[in-house]
């Protein structure tokens, strides 16, 4: 719930328009906010937030579009969401914590 600490990150707000997804293991992914910025969470913690550096180390996540929803691999822990780097829209895949 809002105000809970998930894996060391405070969930300030749940974005209800972002929807939720669940895999066969009961892992749930959803949109929220932490520290005033948009983020993607599971019940175990933060997947990504606006301002994070991506795996290549040179690119910063500039936006997360919560109205695009979220997805999680039904048999694994990969999470997908829609966002933006620089001026380019993209789909991102991250690992659930």
N, C-alpha and C. Protein backbone atom coordinates (compact mmCIF):
# COMPACT_ATOMS: atom_id res chain seq x y z
N UNK A 1 0.83 -1.18 0.00
CA UNK A 1 0.00 0.00 0.00
C UNK A 1 0.88 1.24 0.00
N UNK A 2 0.32 2.38 -0.35
CA UNK A 2 1.07 3.62 -0.35
C UNK A 2 1.66 3.87 1.04
N UNK A 3 2.91 4.30 1.06
CA UNK A 3 3.62 4.53 2.30
C UNK A 3 4.49 3.37 2.74
N UNK A 4 4.27 2.19 2.15
CA UNK A 4 5.09 1.02 2.48
C UNK A 4 6.50 1.18 1.91
N UNK A 5 7.45 0.51 2.52
CA UNK A 5 8.81 0.42 2.01
C UNK A 5 8.96 -0.92 1.32
N UNK A 6 9.28 -0.88 0.03
CA UNK A 6 9.43 -2.09 -0.78
C UNK A 6 10.89 -2.23 -1.17
N UNK A 7 11.57 -3.19 -0.58
CA UNK A 7 12.98 -3.41 -0.89
C UNK A 7 13.85 -2.19 -0.63
N UNK A 8 13.52 -1.41 0.36
CA UNK A 8 14.31 -0.24 0.70
C UNK A 8 13.84 1.05 0.05
N UNK A 9 12.82 1.00 -0.81
CA UNK A 9 12.30 2.19 -1.49
C UNK A 9 10.88 2.46 -1.02
N UNK A 10 10.59 3.70 -0.66
CA UNK A 10 9.25 4.06 -0.20
C UNK A 10 8.32 4.24 -1.40
N UNK A 11 7.19 3.57 -1.35
CA UNK A 11 6.14 3.71 -2.36
C UNK A 11 5.27 4.89 -1.95
N UNK A 12 5.51 6.06 -2.55
CA UNK A 12 4.76 7.26 -2.21
C UNK A 12 3.34 7.23 -2.74
N UNK A 13 3.18 6.69 -3.94
CA UNK A 13 1.88 6.73 -4.61
C UNK A 13 1.77 5.56 -5.58
N UNK A 14 0.58 5.00 -5.71
CA UNK A 14 0.28 3.99 -6.72
C UNK A 14 -0.48 4.68 -7.84
N UNK A 15 -0.01 4.54 -9.07
CA UNK A 15 -0.67 5.13 -10.24
C UNK A 15 -1.76 4.17 -10.72
N UNK A 16 -3.01 4.48 -10.38
CA UNK A 16 -4.10 3.55 -10.68
C UNK A 16 -4.37 3.41 -12.17
N UNK A 17 -4.00 4.41 -12.97
CA UNK A 17 -4.24 4.32 -14.41
C UNK A 17 -3.24 3.40 -15.11
N UNK A 18 -2.17 3.01 -14.41
CA UNK A 18 -1.11 2.21 -15.02
C UNK A 18 -1.41 0.73 -15.10
N UNK A 19 -2.43 0.27 -14.41
CA UNK A 19 -2.75 -1.15 -14.42
C UNK A 19 -1.74 -1.96 -13.62
N UNK A 20 -1.99 -3.25 -13.57
CA UNK A 20 -1.08 -4.17 -12.89
C UNK A 20 -0.94 -5.42 -13.75
N UNK A 21 0.11 -6.19 -13.50
CA UNK A 21 0.29 -7.48 -14.16
C UNK A 21 0.82 -8.45 -13.11
N UNK A 22 0.51 -9.73 -13.29
CA UNK A 22 0.93 -10.75 -12.34
C UNK A 22 1.42 -11.97 -13.11
N UNK A 23 2.48 -12.62 -12.60
CA UNK A 23 2.95 -13.84 -13.25
C UNK A 23 2.46 -15.07 -12.49
N UNK A 24 2.84 -16.24 -12.93
CA UNK A 24 2.37 -17.49 -12.33
C UNK A 24 2.91 -17.72 -10.93
N UNK A 25 3.95 -16.97 -10.54
CA UNK A 25 4.53 -17.11 -9.21
C UNK A 25 3.94 -16.13 -8.21
N UNK A 26 3.01 -15.28 -8.68
CA UNK A 26 2.38 -14.29 -7.81
C UNK A 26 3.13 -12.98 -7.72
N UNK A 27 4.14 -12.78 -8.58
CA UNK A 27 4.86 -11.51 -8.61
C UNK A 27 4.00 -10.48 -9.34
N UNK A 28 3.81 -9.34 -8.72
CA UNK A 28 2.94 -8.29 -9.26
C UNK A 28 3.79 -7.09 -9.63
N UNK A 29 3.52 -6.48 -10.79
CA UNK A 29 4.23 -5.28 -11.23
C UNK A 29 3.19 -4.17 -11.45
N UNK A 30 3.58 -2.94 -11.09
CA UNK A 30 2.66 -1.81 -11.18
C UNK A 30 3.43 -0.50 -11.25
N UNK A 31 2.72 0.57 -11.66
CA UNK A 31 3.30 1.91 -11.71
C UNK A 31 3.07 2.62 -10.39
N UNK A 32 4.06 3.43 -9.99
CA UNK A 32 3.93 4.23 -8.78
C UNK A 32 4.86 5.42 -8.84
N UNK A 33 5.04 6.03 -7.68
CA UNK A 33 5.97 7.15 -7.54
C UNK A 33 6.79 6.97 -6.28
N UNK A 34 8.03 7.40 -6.36
CA UNK A 34 8.90 7.44 -5.19
C UNK A 34 9.72 8.72 -5.29
N UNK A 35 9.84 9.43 -4.19
CA UNK A 35 10.61 10.68 -4.21
C UNK A 35 10.09 11.68 -5.23
N UNK A 36 8.79 11.62 -5.55
CA UNK A 36 8.17 12.55 -6.49
C UNK A 36 8.37 12.21 -7.95
N UNK A 37 8.99 11.05 -8.27
CA UNK A 37 9.20 10.68 -9.67
C UNK A 37 8.47 9.37 -9.99
N UNK A 38 8.12 9.23 -11.27
CA UNK A 38 7.44 8.02 -11.74
C UNK A 38 8.37 6.83 -11.64
N UNK A 39 7.76 5.67 -11.34
CA UNK A 39 8.56 4.46 -11.15
C UNK A 39 7.73 3.23 -11.48
N UNK A 40 8.42 2.10 -11.63
CA UNK A 40 7.79 0.79 -11.81
C UNK A 40 8.26 -0.08 -10.64
N UNK A 41 7.31 -0.76 -9.99
CA UNK A 41 7.59 -1.57 -8.80
C UNK A 41 7.06 -2.98 -8.95
N UNK A 42 7.61 -3.88 -8.16
CA UNK A 42 6.94 -5.13 -7.80
C UNK A 42 6.68 -5.04 -6.30
N UNK A 43 6.01 -6.04 -5.76
CA UNK A 43 5.78 -6.02 -4.32
C UNK A 43 7.07 -6.17 -3.53
N UNK A 44 8.17 -6.51 -4.22
CA UNK A 44 9.46 -6.69 -3.56
C UNK A 44 10.36 -5.46 -3.65
N UNK A 45 10.04 -4.53 -4.54
CA UNK A 45 10.87 -3.34 -4.64
C UNK A 45 10.82 -2.67 -6.00
N UNK A 46 11.73 -1.73 -6.17
CA UNK A 46 11.81 -0.88 -7.35
C UNK A 46 12.43 -1.62 -8.53
N UNK A 47 11.79 -1.50 -9.69
CA UNK A 47 12.36 -2.01 -10.94
C UNK A 47 13.14 -0.90 -11.63
N UNK A 48 12.52 0.28 -11.77
CA UNK A 48 13.16 1.43 -12.41
C UNK A 48 12.40 2.69 -12.05
N UNK A 49 13.10 3.82 -12.10
CA UNK A 49 12.44 5.11 -11.88
C UNK A 49 13.04 6.14 -12.83
N UNK A 50 12.27 7.19 -13.11
CA UNK A 50 12.76 8.28 -13.94
C UNK A 50 14.04 8.82 -13.31
N UNK A 51 15.05 9.00 -14.14
CA UNK A 51 16.35 9.49 -13.68
C UNK A 51 17.38 8.39 -13.54
N UNK A 52 16.94 7.14 -13.57
CA UNK A 52 17.89 6.02 -13.48
C UNK A 52 18.75 5.95 -14.73
N UNK A 53 20.00 5.56 -14.56
CA UNK A 53 20.87 5.25 -15.69
C UNK A 53 20.56 3.84 -16.14
N UNK A 54 20.49 3.65 -17.44
CA UNK A 54 20.20 2.33 -17.99
C UNK A 54 21.47 1.49 -18.03
N UNK A 55 21.31 0.23 -18.38
CA UNK A 55 22.41 -0.74 -18.31
C UNK A 55 23.64 -0.33 -19.11
N UNK A 56 23.45 0.45 -20.18
CA UNK A 56 24.62 0.85 -20.98
C UNK A 56 25.47 1.89 -20.27
N UNK A 57 24.96 2.46 -19.17
CA UNK A 57 25.71 3.41 -18.37
C UNK A 57 25.77 4.82 -18.92
N UNK A 58 25.25 5.03 -20.13
CA UNK A 58 25.31 6.36 -20.74
C UNK A 58 23.94 6.97 -20.99
N UNK A 59 22.88 6.19 -20.82
CA UNK A 59 21.53 6.64 -21.14
C UNK A 59 20.71 6.75 -19.86
N UNK A 60 19.93 7.82 -19.76
CA UNK A 60 19.09 8.05 -18.60
C UNK A 60 17.63 7.89 -18.98
N UNK A 61 16.87 7.21 -18.13
CA UNK A 61 15.43 7.07 -18.32
C UNK A 61 14.77 8.41 -18.05
N UNK A 62 14.21 9.03 -19.08
CA UNK A 62 13.66 10.39 -18.98
C UNK A 62 12.18 10.40 -18.62
N UNK A 63 11.45 9.33 -18.95
CA UNK A 63 10.00 9.32 -18.73
C UNK A 63 9.52 7.89 -18.61
N UNK A 64 8.46 7.69 -17.84
CA UNK A 64 7.74 6.42 -17.78
C UNK A 64 6.28 6.75 -18.07
N UNK A 65 5.71 6.08 -19.06
CA UNK A 65 4.33 6.34 -19.47
C UNK A 65 3.42 5.33 -18.78
N UNK A 66 2.77 5.73 -17.69
CA UNK A 66 1.93 4.77 -16.96
C UNK A 66 0.67 4.36 -17.72
N UNK A 67 0.18 5.20 -18.63
CA UNK A 67 -1.03 4.83 -19.37
C UNK A 67 -0.76 3.73 -20.40
N UNK A 68 0.50 3.37 -20.60
CA UNK A 68 0.85 2.29 -21.51
C UNK A 68 0.83 0.92 -20.82
N UNK A 69 0.64 0.90 -19.49
CA UNK A 69 0.57 -0.35 -18.76
C UNK A 69 1.94 -0.95 -18.47
N UNK A 70 1.91 -2.14 -17.91
CA UNK A 70 3.10 -2.90 -17.55
C UNK A 70 2.88 -4.36 -17.91
N UNK A 71 3.96 -5.12 -18.00
CA UNK A 71 3.85 -6.55 -18.27
C UNK A 71 4.94 -7.26 -17.48
N UNK A 72 4.70 -8.53 -17.18
CA UNK A 72 5.72 -9.35 -16.52
C UNK A 72 5.70 -10.73 -17.17
N UNK A 73 6.87 -11.30 -17.36
CA UNK A 73 6.99 -12.62 -17.94
C UNK A 73 6.20 -13.61 -17.07
N UNK A 74 5.28 -14.37 -17.66
CA UNK A 74 4.48 -15.28 -16.84
C UNK A 74 5.29 -16.38 -16.16
N UNK A 75 6.46 -16.71 -16.71
CA UNK A 75 7.28 -17.78 -16.16
C UNK A 75 8.62 -17.29 -15.60
N UNK A 76 8.77 -15.98 -15.48
CA UNK A 76 10.05 -15.43 -15.04
C UNK A 76 9.88 -14.11 -14.34
N UNK A 77 10.94 -13.32 -14.35
CA UNK A 77 10.93 -12.10 -13.56
C UNK A 77 11.23 -10.85 -14.39
N UNK A 78 11.17 -10.97 -15.72
CA UNK A 78 11.39 -9.80 -16.57
C UNK A 78 10.13 -8.95 -16.60
N UNK A 79 10.32 -7.65 -16.43
CA UNK A 79 9.24 -6.67 -16.42
C UNK A 79 9.40 -5.76 -17.62
N UNK A 80 8.31 -5.44 -18.33
CA UNK A 80 8.36 -4.53 -19.47
C UNK A 80 7.46 -3.33 -19.20
N UNK A 81 7.93 -2.15 -19.65
CA UNK A 81 7.15 -0.93 -19.52
C UNK A 81 7.55 0.03 -20.62
N UNK A 82 6.74 1.05 -20.85
CA UNK A 82 6.96 2.02 -21.91
C UNK A 82 7.50 3.31 -21.30
N UNK A 83 8.51 3.89 -21.93
CA UNK A 83 9.09 5.13 -21.43
C UNK A 83 9.80 5.88 -22.52
N UNK A 84 10.76 6.69 -22.09
CA UNK A 84 11.44 7.57 -23.05
C UNK A 84 12.89 7.79 -22.63
N UNK A 85 13.79 7.79 -23.61
CA UNK A 85 15.17 8.23 -23.42
C UNK A 85 15.40 9.36 -24.41
N UNK A 86 16.07 10.41 -23.93
CA UNK A 86 16.24 11.61 -24.75
C UNK A 86 14.88 12.01 -25.31
N UNK A 87 14.73 12.05 -26.63
CA UNK A 87 13.44 12.39 -27.23
C UNK A 87 12.81 11.19 -27.92
N UNK A 88 13.24 9.98 -27.56
CA UNK A 88 12.80 8.76 -28.23
C UNK A 88 11.97 7.89 -27.31
N UNK A 89 10.76 7.52 -27.75
CA UNK A 89 9.95 6.55 -27.01
C UNK A 89 10.55 5.17 -27.16
N UNK A 90 10.41 4.37 -26.12
CA UNK A 90 11.00 3.02 -26.14
C UNK A 90 10.25 2.11 -25.19
N UNK A 91 10.44 0.80 -25.38
CA UNK A 91 9.95 -0.20 -24.44
C UNK A 91 11.17 -0.72 -23.70
N UNK A 92 11.07 -0.81 -22.39
CA UNK A 92 12.18 -1.22 -21.55
C UNK A 92 11.87 -2.54 -20.88
N UNK A 93 12.91 -3.31 -20.65
CA UNK A 93 12.78 -4.57 -19.92
C UNK A 93 13.76 -4.51 -18.77
N UNK A 94 13.25 -4.78 -17.58
CA UNK A 94 14.09 -4.83 -16.40
C UNK A 94 13.77 -6.07 -15.60
N UNK A 95 14.64 -6.42 -14.68
CA UNK A 95 14.41 -7.59 -13.82
C UNK A 95 13.70 -7.17 -12.56
N UNK A 96 12.70 -7.94 -12.18
CA UNK A 96 12.01 -7.70 -10.92
C UNK A 96 12.97 -8.01 -9.77
N UNK A 97 12.94 -7.18 -8.72
CA UNK A 97 13.85 -7.43 -7.58
C UNK A 97 13.50 -8.70 -6.83
